[in-house]
């Protein structure tokens, strides 16, 4: 029997998780308005559907890194784009 994974930003499936979560909590028709219920309801649903994830251990990791609800996982835990992809160009 395979062990369940812990979802962290280092997990190879992190981007899939973060993209689905961001889409779930930004489902409003109004830009900048969140559907976050300030709990882990979307996170739990997504991780369950992804399968083979230790949901409670993953939520503990999220909380240790400032993710106390669905939207805070995106805001505080998700590392976002790599910094080197956005290097500033020198002015000439």
PDB file of N, CA and C in Angstrom:
ATOM      1  N   UNK A   1       0.839  -1.190   0.000  1.00  0.00           N
ATOM      2  CA  UNK A   1       0.000   0.000   0.000  1.00  0.00           C
ATOM      3  C   UNK A   1       0.878   1.246   0.000  1.00  0.00           C
ATOM      4  N   UNK A   2       0.619   2.170  -0.912  1.00  0.00           N
ATOM      5  CA  UNK A   2       1.427   3.381  -1.034  1.00  0.00           C
ATOM      6  C   UNK A   2       1.108   4.358   0.095  1.00  0.00           C
ATOM      7  N   UNK A   3       2.129   5.072   0.531  1.00  0.00           N
ATOM      8  CA  UNK A   3       1.941   6.092   1.548  1.00  0.00           C
ATOM      9  C   UNK A   3       1.388   7.356   0.906  1.00  0.00           C
ATOM     10  N   UNK A   4       0.548   8.063   1.651  1.00  0.00           N
ATOM     11  CA  UNK A   4       0.017   9.322   1.156  1.00  0.00           C
ATOM     12  C   UNK A   4       1.078  10.409   1.208  1.00  0.00           C
ATOM     13  N   UNK A   5       1.063  11.264   0.211  1.00  0.00           N
ATOM     14  CA  UNK A   5       2.010  12.378   0.128  1.00  0.00           C
ATOM     15  C   UNK A   5       1.516  13.548   0.971  1.00  0.00           C
ATOM     16  N   UNK A   6       2.450  14.390   1.385  1.00  0.00           N
ATOM     17  CA  UNK A   6       2.107  15.662   2.012  1.00  0.00           C
ATOM     18  C   UNK A   6       2.251  16.718   0.925  1.00  0.00           C
ATOM     19  N   UNK A   7       1.212  17.539   0.772  1.00  0.00           N
ATOM     20  CA  UNK A   7       1.255  18.598  -0.238  1.00  0.00           C
ATOM     21  C   UNK A   7       2.030  19.778   0.325  1.00  0.00           C
ATOM     22  N   UNK A   8       3.125  20.097  -0.319  1.00  0.00           N
ATOM     23  CA  UNK A   8       3.957  21.254   0.020  1.00  0.00           C
ATOM     24  C   UNK A   8       4.348  21.917  -1.295  1.00  0.00           C
ATOM     25  N   UNK A   9       4.881  23.134  -1.255  1.00  0.00           N
ATOM     26  CA  UNK A   9       5.335  23.759  -2.504  1.00  0.00           C
ATOM     27  C   UNK A   9       6.419  22.955  -3.221  1.00  0.00           C
ATOM     28  N   UNK A  10       7.093  22.051  -2.510  1.00  0.00           N
ATOM     29  CA  UNK A  10       8.128  21.219  -3.127  1.00  0.00           C
ATOM     30  C   UNK A  10       7.543  19.979  -3.802  1.00  0.00           C
ATOM     31  N   UNK A  11       6.291  19.670  -3.532  1.00  0.00           N
ATOM     32  CA  UNK A  11       5.647  18.501  -4.119  1.00  0.00           C
ATOM     33  C   UNK A  11       5.502  18.700  -5.623  1.00  0.00           C
ATOM     34  N   UNK A  12       5.805  17.688  -6.434  1.00  0.00           N
ATOM     35  CA  UNK A  12       5.696  17.839  -7.891  1.00  0.00           C
ATOM     36  C   UNK A  12       4.280  18.195  -8.370  1.00  0.00           C
ATOM     37  N   UNK A  13       3.279  17.919  -7.535  1.00  0.00           N
ATOM     38  CA  UNK A  13       1.903  18.240  -7.925  1.00  0.00           C
ATOM     39  C   UNK A  13       1.413  19.568  -7.351  1.00  0.00           C
ATOM     40  N   UNK A  14       2.330  20.356  -6.745  1.00  0.00           N
ATOM     41  CA  UNK A  14       1.949  21.628  -6.120  1.00  0.00           C
ATOM     42  C   UNK A  14       1.286  22.582  -7.112  1.00  0.00           C
ATOM     43  N   UNK A  15       1.875  22.775  -8.278  1.00  0.00           N
ATOM     44  CA  UNK A  15       1.313  23.739  -9.230  1.00  0.00           C
ATOM     45  C   UNK A  15      -0.101  23.364  -9.642  1.00  0.00           C
ATOM     46  N   UNK A  16      -0.347  22.074  -9.832  1.00  0.00           N
ATOM     47  CA  UNK A  16      -1.694  21.609 -10.150  1.00  0.00           C
ATOM     48  C   UNK A  16      -2.653  21.982  -9.016  1.00  0.00           C
ATOM     49  N   UNK A  17      -2.261  21.679  -7.776  1.00  0.00           N
ATOM     50  CA  UNK A  17      -3.079  22.004  -6.615  1.00  0.00           C
ATOM     51  C   UNK A  17      -3.323  23.503  -6.503  1.00  0.00           C
ATOM     52  N   UNK A  18      -2.256  24.292  -6.570  1.00  0.00           N
ATOM     53  CA  UNK A  18      -2.372  25.741  -6.392  1.00  0.00           C
ATOM     54  C   UNK A  18      -3.234  26.374  -7.486  1.00  0.00           C
ATOM     55  N   UNK A  19      -3.096  25.907  -8.722  1.00  0.00           N
ATOM     56  CA  UNK A  19      -3.909  26.441  -9.819  1.00  0.00           C
ATOM     57  C   UNK A  19      -5.391  26.153  -9.610  1.00  0.00           C
ATOM     58  N   UNK A  20      -5.713  24.922  -9.212  1.00  0.00           N
ATOM     59  CA  UNK A  20      -7.115  24.553  -8.988  1.00  0.00           C
ATOM     60  C   UNK A  20      -7.680  25.332  -7.801  1.00  0.00           C
ATOM     61  N   UNK A  21      -6.895  25.469  -6.729  1.00  0.00           N
ATOM     62  CA  UNK A  21      -7.350  26.203  -5.555  1.00  0.00           C
ATOM     63  C   UNK A  21      -7.574  27.673  -5.890  1.00  0.00           C
ATOM     64  N   UNK A  22      -6.640  28.286  -6.597  1.00  0.00           N
ATOM     65  CA  UNK A  22      -6.792  29.695  -6.960  1.00  0.00           C
ATOM     66  C   UNK A  22      -8.050  29.905  -7.803  1.00  0.00           C
ATOM     67  N   UNK A  23      -8.286  28.999  -8.721  1.00  0.00           N
ATOM     68  CA  UNK A  23      -9.484  29.088  -9.557  1.00  0.00           C
ATOM     69  C   UNK A  23     -10.749  28.915  -8.708  1.00  0.00           C
ATOM     70  N   UNK A  24     -10.716  28.010  -7.753  1.00  0.00           N
ATOM     71  CA  UNK A  24     -11.888  27.754  -6.903  1.00  0.00           C
ATOM     72  C   UNK A  24     -12.249  28.955  -6.044  1.00  0.00           C
ATOM     73  N   UNK A  25     -11.250  29.652  -5.517  1.00  0.00           N
ATOM     74  CA  UNK A  25     -11.560  30.774  -4.621  1.00  0.00           C
ATOM     75  C   UNK A  25     -11.698  32.096  -5.359  1.00  0.00           C
ATOM     76  N   UNK A  26     -11.425  32.111  -6.652  1.00  0.00           N
ATOM     77  CA  UNK A  26     -11.589  33.322  -7.449  1.00  0.00           C
ATOM     78  C   UNK A  26     -12.692  33.141  -8.477  1.00  0.00           C
ATOM     79  N   UNK A  27     -13.730  32.425  -8.111  1.00  0.00           N
ATOM     80  CA  UNK A  27     -14.806  32.093  -9.043  1.00  0.00           C
ATOM     81  C   UNK A  27     -15.841  33.208  -9.195  1.00  0.00           C
ATOM     82  N   UNK A  28     -15.699  34.284  -8.460  1.00  0.00           N
ATOM     83  CA  UNK A  28     -16.641  35.400  -8.563  1.00  0.00           C
ATOM     84  C   UNK A  28     -16.553  36.042  -9.941  1.00  0.00           C
ATOM     85  N   UNK A  29     -17.631  36.662 -10.342  1.00  0.00           N
ATOM     86  CA  UNK A  29     -17.635  37.410 -11.600  1.00  0.00           C
ATOM     87  C   UNK A  29     -16.884  38.730 -11.475  1.00  0.00           C
ATOM     88  N   UNK A  30     -16.727  39.225 -10.250  1.00  0.00           N
ATOM     89  CA  UNK A  30     -16.046  40.490 -10.026  1.00  0.00           C
ATOM     90  C   UNK A  30     -14.551  40.250  -9.798  1.00  0.00           C
ATOM     91  N   UNK A  31     -13.689  40.898 -10.592  1.00  0.00           N
ATOM     92  CA  UNK A  31     -12.241  40.735 -10.386  1.00  0.00           C
ATOM     93  C   UNK A  31     -11.834  41.203  -8.990  1.00  0.00           C
ATOM     94  N   UNK A  32     -10.934  40.471  -8.383  1.00  0.00           N
ATOM     95  CA  UNK A  32     -10.410  40.846  -7.073  1.00  0.00           C
ATOM     96  C   UNK A  32     -11.299  40.446  -5.908  1.00  0.00           C
ATOM     97  N   UNK A  33     -12.441  39.818  -6.164  1.00  0.00           N
ATOM     98  CA  UNK A  33     -13.329  39.374  -5.102  1.00  0.00           C
ATOM     99  C   UNK A  33     -13.155  37.870  -4.921  1.00  0.00           C
ATOM    100  N   UNK A  34     -12.929  37.449  -3.690  1.00  0.00           N
ATOM    101  CA  UNK A  34     -12.646  36.044  -3.403  1.00  0.00           C
ATOM    102  C   UNK A  34     -13.892  35.308  -2.926  1.00  0.00           C
ATOM    103  N   UNK A  35     -13.957  34.028  -3.270  1.00  0.00           N
ATOM    104  CA  UNK A  35     -15.002  33.138  -2.769  1.00  0.00           C
ATOM    105  C   UNK A  35     -14.522  32.376  -1.535  1.00  0.00           C
ATOM    106  N   UNK A  36     -13.416  32.794  -0.929  1.00  0.00           N
ATOM    107  CA  UNK A  36     -12.878  32.068   0.227  1.00  0.00           C
ATOM    108  C   UNK A  36     -13.866  32.141   1.387  1.00  0.00           C
ATOM    109  N   UNK A  37     -14.121  30.993   1.983  1.00  0.00           N
ATOM    110  CA  UNK A  37     -15.015  30.907   3.143  1.00  0.00           C
ATOM    111  C   UNK A  37     -14.211  30.991   4.441  1.00  0.00           C
ATOM    112  N   UNK A  38     -12.921  31.268   4.320  1.00  0.00           N
ATOM    113  CA  UNK A  38     -11.988  31.383   5.445  1.00  0.00           C
ATOM    114  C   UNK A  38     -11.929  30.091   6.259  1.00  0.00           C
ATOM    115  N   UNK A  39     -11.937  28.989   5.512  1.00  0.00           N
ATOM    116  CA  UNK A  39     -11.724  27.660   6.073  1.00  0.00           C
ATOM    117  C   UNK A  39     -10.944  26.858   5.037  1.00  0.00           C
ATOM    118  N   UNK A  40     -10.863  25.561   5.190  1.00  0.00           N
ATOM    119  CA  UNK A  40     -10.128  24.717   4.251  1.00  0.00           C
ATOM    120  C   UNK A  40     -11.057  23.877   3.387  1.00  0.00           C
ATOM    121  N   UNK A  41     -12.296  24.319   3.187  1.00  0.00           N
ATOM    122  CA  UNK A  41     -13.260  23.494   2.457  1.00  0.00           C
ATOM    123  C   UNK A  41     -12.817  23.208   1.020  1.00  0.00           C
ATOM    124  N   UNK A  42     -12.335  24.213   0.308  1.00  0.00           N
ATOM    125  CA  UNK A  42     -11.870  23.982  -1.067  1.00  0.00           C
ATOM    126  C   UNK A  42     -10.603  23.140  -1.075  1.00  0.00           C
ATOM    127  N   UNK A  43      -9.699  23.420  -0.150  1.00  0.00           N
ATOM    128  CA  UNK A  43      -8.452  22.659  -0.046  1.00  0.00           C
ATOM    129  C   UNK A  43      -8.742  21.181   0.189  1.00  0.00           C
ATOM    130  N   UNK A  44      -9.610  20.882   1.134  1.00  0.00           N
ATOM    131  CA  UNK A  44      -9.952  19.491   1.443  1.00  0.00           C
ATOM    132  C   UNK A  44     -10.564  18.799   0.222  1.00  0.00           C
ATOM    133  N   UNK A  45     -11.466  19.477  -0.464  1.00  0.00           N
ATOM    134  CA  UNK A  45     -12.126  18.891  -1.633  1.00  0.00           C
ATOM    135  C   UNK A  45     -11.104  18.606  -2.736  1.00  0.00           C
ATOM    136  N   UNK A  46     -10.239  19.562  -3.017  1.00  0.00           N
ATOM    137  CA  UNK A  46      -9.245  19.413  -4.087  1.00  0.00           C
ATOM    138  C   UNK A  46      -8.261  18.293  -3.755  1.00  0.00           C
ATOM    139  N   UNK A  47      -7.739  18.276  -2.530  1.00  0.00           N
ATOM    140  CA  UNK A  47      -6.767  17.247  -2.154  1.00  0.00           C
ATOM    141  C   UNK A  47      -7.403  15.862  -2.166  1.00  0.00           C
ATOM    142  N   UNK A  48      -8.668  15.773  -1.774  1.00  0.00           N
ATOM    143  CA  UNK A  48      -9.373  14.496  -1.840  1.00  0.00           C
ATOM    144  C   UNK A  48      -9.487  14.024  -3.284  1.00  0.00           C
ATOM    145  N   UNK A  49      -9.869  14.938  -4.172  1.00  0.00           N
ATOM    146  CA  UNK A  49     -10.019  14.585  -5.585  1.00  0.00           C
ATOM    147  C   UNK A  49      -8.682  14.238  -6.235  1.00  0.00           C
ATOM    148  N   UNK A  50      -7.589  14.876  -5.790  1.00  0.00           N
ATOM    149  CA  UNK A  50      -6.265  14.574  -6.340  1.00  0.00           C
ATOM    150  C   UNK A  50      -5.818  13.168  -5.935  1.00  0.00           C
ATOM    151  N   UNK A  51      -6.234  12.723  -4.766  1.00  0.00           N
ATOM    152  CA  UNK A  51      -5.903  11.381  -4.296  1.00  0.00           C
ATOM    153  C   UNK A  51      -4.484  11.240  -3.792  1.00  0.00           C
ATOM    154  N   UNK A  52      -4.285  10.265  -2.913  1.00  0.00           N
ATOM    155  CA  UNK A  52      -2.980   9.909  -2.363  1.00  0.00           C
ATOM    156  C   UNK A  52      -2.307  11.069  -1.615  1.00  0.00           C
ATOM    157  N   UNK A  53      -3.114  11.942  -0.982  1.00  0.00           N
ATOM    158  CA  UNK A  53      -2.582  13.067  -0.223  1.00  0.00           C
ATOM    159  C   UNK A  53      -3.007  12.924   1.231  1.00  0.00           C
ATOM    160  N   UNK A  54      -2.078  13.121   2.141  1.00  0.00           N
ATOM    161  CA  UNK A  54      -2.386  13.165   3.571  1.00  0.00           C
ATOM    162  C   UNK A  54      -2.910  14.573   3.863  1.00  0.00           C
ATOM    163  N   UNK A  55      -4.216  14.697   3.910  1.00  0.00           N
ATOM    164  CA  UNK A  55      -4.851  16.017   4.006  1.00  0.00           C
ATOM    165  C   UNK A  55      -4.509  16.713   5.319  1.00  0.00           C
ATOM    166  N   UNK A  56      -4.610  16.020   6.442  1.00  0.00           N
ATOM    167  CA  UNK A  56      -4.340  16.661   7.735  1.00  0.00           C
ATOM    168  C   UNK A  56      -2.879  17.097   7.856  1.00  0.00           C
ATOM    169  N   UNK A  57      -1.952  16.257   7.410  1.00  0.00           N
ATOM    170  CA  UNK A  57      -0.528  16.635   7.456  1.00  0.00           C
ATOM    171  C   UNK A  57      -0.272  17.825   6.529  1.00  0.00           C
ATOM    172  N   UNK A  58      -0.932  17.850   5.381  1.00  0.00           N
ATOM    173  CA  UNK A  58      -0.771  18.961   4.446  1.00  0.00           C
ATOM    174  C   UNK A  58      -1.303  20.254   5.052  1.00  0.00           C
ATOM    175  N   UNK A  59      -2.470  20.202   5.684  1.00  0.00           N
ATOM    176  CA  UNK A  59      -3.038  21.400   6.318  1.00  0.00           C
ATOM    177  C   UNK A  59      -2.131  21.894   7.441  1.00  0.00           C
ATOM    178  N   UNK A  60      -1.525  20.973   8.187  1.00  0.00           N
ATOM    179  CA  UNK A  60      -0.571  21.384   9.228  1.00  0.00           C
ATOM    180  C   UNK A  60       0.603  22.146   8.620  1.00  0.00           C
ATOM    181  N   UNK A  61       1.114  21.673   7.489  1.00  0.00           N
ATOM    182  CA  UNK A  61       2.211  22.377   6.803  1.00  0.00           C
ATOM    183  C   UNK A  61       1.740  23.756   6.360  1.00  0.00           C
ATOM    184  N   UNK A  62       0.541  23.835   5.795  1.00  0.00           N
ATOM    185  CA  UNK A  62       0.017  25.130   5.353  1.00  0.00           C
ATOM    186  C   UNK A  62      -0.057  26.102   6.530  1.00  0.00           C
ATOM    187  N   UNK A  63      -0.593  25.656   7.659  1.00  0.00           N
ATOM    188  CA  UNK A  63      -0.738  26.534   8.823  1.00  0.00           C
ATOM    189  C   UNK A  63       0.619  26.955   9.381  1.00  0.00           C
ATOM    190  N   UNK A  64       1.597  26.055   9.358  1.00  0.00           N
ATOM    191  CA  UNK A  64       2.949  26.393   9.828  1.00  0.00           C
ATOM    192  C   UNK A  64       3.580  27.478   8.962  1.00  0.00           C
ATOM    193  N   UNK A  65       3.050  27.648   7.751  1.00  0.00           N
ATOM    194  CA  UNK A  65       3.608  28.622   6.818  1.00  0.00           C
ATOM    195  C   UNK A  65       2.641  29.769   6.532  1.00  0.00           C
ATOM    196  N   UNK A  66       1.698  30.015   7.445  1.00  0.00           N
ATOM    197  CA  UNK A  66       0.804  31.167   7.333  1.00  0.00           C
ATOM    198  C   UNK A  66      -0.453  30.926   6.528  1.00  0.00           C
ATOM    199  N   UNK A  67      -0.743  29.680   6.159  1.00  0.00           N
ATOM    200  CA  UNK A  67      -1.943  29.378   5.387  1.00  0.00           C
ATOM    201  C   UNK A  67      -3.044  28.867   6.293  1.00  0.00           C
ATOM    202  N   UNK A  68      -3.840  29.787   6.847  1.00  0.00           N
ATOM    203  CA  UNK A  68      -4.877  29.418   7.808  1.00  0.00           C
ATOM    204  C   UNK A  68      -6.256  29.259   7.175  1.00  0.00           C
ATOM    205  N   UNK A  69      -6.352  29.405   5.857  1.00  0.00           N
ATOM    206  CA  UNK A  69      -7.589  29.155   5.113  1.00  0.00           C
ATOM    207  C   UNK A  69      -7.204  29.033   3.633  1.00  0.00           C
ATOM    208  N   UNK A  70      -8.191  28.743   2.793  1.00  0.00           N
ATOM    209  CA  UNK A  70      -7.914  28.537   1.373  1.00  0.00           C
ATOM    210  C   UNK A  70      -7.166  29.707   0.737  1.00  0.00           C
ATOM    211  N   UNK A  71      -7.643  30.941   0.940  1.00  0.00           N
ATOM    212  CA  UNK A  71      -6.997  32.078   0.277  1.00  0.00           C
ATOM    213  C   UNK A  71      -5.601  32.350   0.832  1.00  0.00           C
ATOM    214  N   UNK A  72      -5.385  32.092   2.130  1.00  0.00           N
ATOM    215  CA  UNK A  72      -4.067  32.331   2.707  1.00  0.00           C
ATOM    216  C   UNK A  72      -3.033  31.313   2.231  1.00  0.00           C
ATOM    217  N   UNK A  73      -3.485  30.131   1.785  1.00  0.00           N
ATOM    218  CA  UNK A  73      -2.547  29.185   1.185  1.00  0.00           C
ATOM    219  C   UNK A  73      -1.965  29.803  -0.075  1.00  0.00           C
ATOM    220  N   UNK A  74      -2.822  30.400  -0.895  1.00  0.00           N
ATOM    221  CA  UNK A  74      -2.357  31.046  -2.127  1.00  0.00           C
ATOM    222  C   UNK A  74      -1.516  32.277  -1.802  1.00  0.00           C
ATOM    223  N   UNK A  75      -1.951  33.078  -0.841  1.00  0.00           N
ATOM    224  CA  UNK A  75      -1.249  34.322  -0.517  1.00  0.00           C
ATOM    225  C   UNK A  75       0.059  34.113   0.233  1.00  0.00           C
ATOM    226  N   UNK A  76       0.103  33.143   1.144  1.00  0.00           N
ATOM    227  CA  UNK A  76       1.250  33.012   2.038  1.00  0.00           C
ATOM    228  C   UNK A  76       2.118  31.782   1.815  1.00  0.00           C
ATOM    229  N   UNK A  77       1.544  30.707   1.290  1.00  0.00           N
ATOM    230  CA  UNK A  77       2.307  29.467   1.153  1.00  0.00           C
ATOM    231  C   UNK A  77       2.824  29.287  -0.266  1.00  0.00           C
ATOM    232  N   UNK A  78       2.001  29.617  -1.253  1.00  0.00           N
ATOM    233  CA  UNK A  78       2.392  29.450  -2.660  1.00  0.00           C
ATOM    234  C   UNK A  78       3.538  30.393  -2.986  1.00  0.00           C
ATOM    235  N   UNK A  79       4.681  29.856  -3.428  1.00  0.00           N
ATOM    236  CA  UNK A  79       5.825  30.714  -3.720  1.00  0.00           C
ATOM    237  C   UNK A  79       5.637  31.587  -4.951  1.00  0.00           C
ATOM    238  N   UNK A  80       4.666  31.280  -5.786  1.00  0.00           N
ATOM    239  CA  UNK A  80       4.435  32.080  -6.990  1.00  0.00           C
ATOM    240  C   UNK A  80       5.537  31.863  -8.002  1.00  0.00           C
ATOM    241  N   UNK A  81       5.625  32.768  -8.992  1.00  0.00           N
ATOM    242  CA  UNK A  81       6.654  32.623 -10.035  1.00  0.00           C
ATOM    243  C   UNK A  81       8.059  32.738  -9.460  1.00  0.00           C
ATOM    244  N   UNK A  82       8.973  32.043 -10.098  1.00  0.00           N
ATOM    245  CA  UNK A  82      10.375  32.105  -9.688  1.00  0.00           C
ATOM    246  C   UNK A  82      10.913  33.517  -9.902  1.00  0.00           C
ATOM    247  N   UNK A  83      11.659  34.021  -8.920  1.00  0.00           N
ATOM    248  CA  UNK A  83      12.207  35.373  -9.008  1.00  0.00           C
ATOM    249  C   UNK A  83      13.092  35.576 -10.228  1.00  0.00           C
ATOM    250  N   UNK A  84      13.895  34.564 -10.581  1.00  0.00           N
ATOM    251  CA  UNK A  84      14.808  34.749 -11.705  1.00  0.00           C
ATOM    252  C   UNK A  84      14.067  34.921 -13.033  1.00  0.00           C
ATOM    253  N   UNK A  85      12.812  34.510 -13.091  1.00  0.00           N
ATOM    254  CA  UNK A  85      12.028  34.714 -14.308  1.00  0.00           C
ATOM    255  C   UNK A  85      11.650  36.177 -14.502  1.00  0.00           C
ATOM    256  N   UNK A  86      11.780  36.965 -13.437  1.00  0.00           N
ATOM    257  CA  UNK A  86      11.343  38.350 -13.489  1.00  0.00           C
ATOM    258  C   UNK A  86      12.481  39.310 -13.161  1.00  0.00           C
ATOM    259  N   UNK A  87      13.667  38.997 -13.656  1.00  0.00           N
ATOM    260  CA  UNK A  87      14.803  39.873 -13.407  1.00  0.00           C
ATOM    261  C   UNK A  87      14.571  41.209 -14.089  1.00  0.00           C
ATOM    262  N   UNK A  88      14.923  42.280 -13.365  1.00  0.00           N
ATOM    263  CA  UNK A  88      14.778  43.615 -13.952  1.00  0.00           C
ATOM    264  C   UNK A  88      15.875  43.855 -14.974  1.00  0.00           C
ATOM    265  N   UNK A  89      15.503  44.503 -16.070  1.00  0.00           N
ATOM    266  CA  UNK A  89      16.507  44.841 -17.077  1.00  0.00           C
ATOM    267  C   UNK A  89      17.202  46.127 -16.664  1.00  0.00           C
ATOM    268  N   UNK A  90      18.499  46.193 -16.947  1.00  0.00           N
ATOM    269  CA  UNK A  90      19.246  47.405 -16.650  1.00  0.00           C
ATOM    270  C   UNK A  90      18.929  48.459 -17.697  1.00  0.00           C
ATOM    271  N   UNK A  91      18.773  49.713 -17.219  1.00  0.00           N
ATOM    272  CA  UNK A  91      18.525  50.796 -18.170  1.00  0.00           C
ATOM    273  C   UNK A  91      19.843  51.229 -18.777  1.00  0.00           C
ATOM    274  N   UNK A  92      19.807  51.537 -20.069  1.00  0.00           N
ATOM    275  CA  UNK A  92      21.037  51.939 -20.764  1.00  0.00           C
ATOM    276  C   UNK A  92      21.026  53.431 -21.003  1.00  0.00           C
TER     277      UNK A  92
END
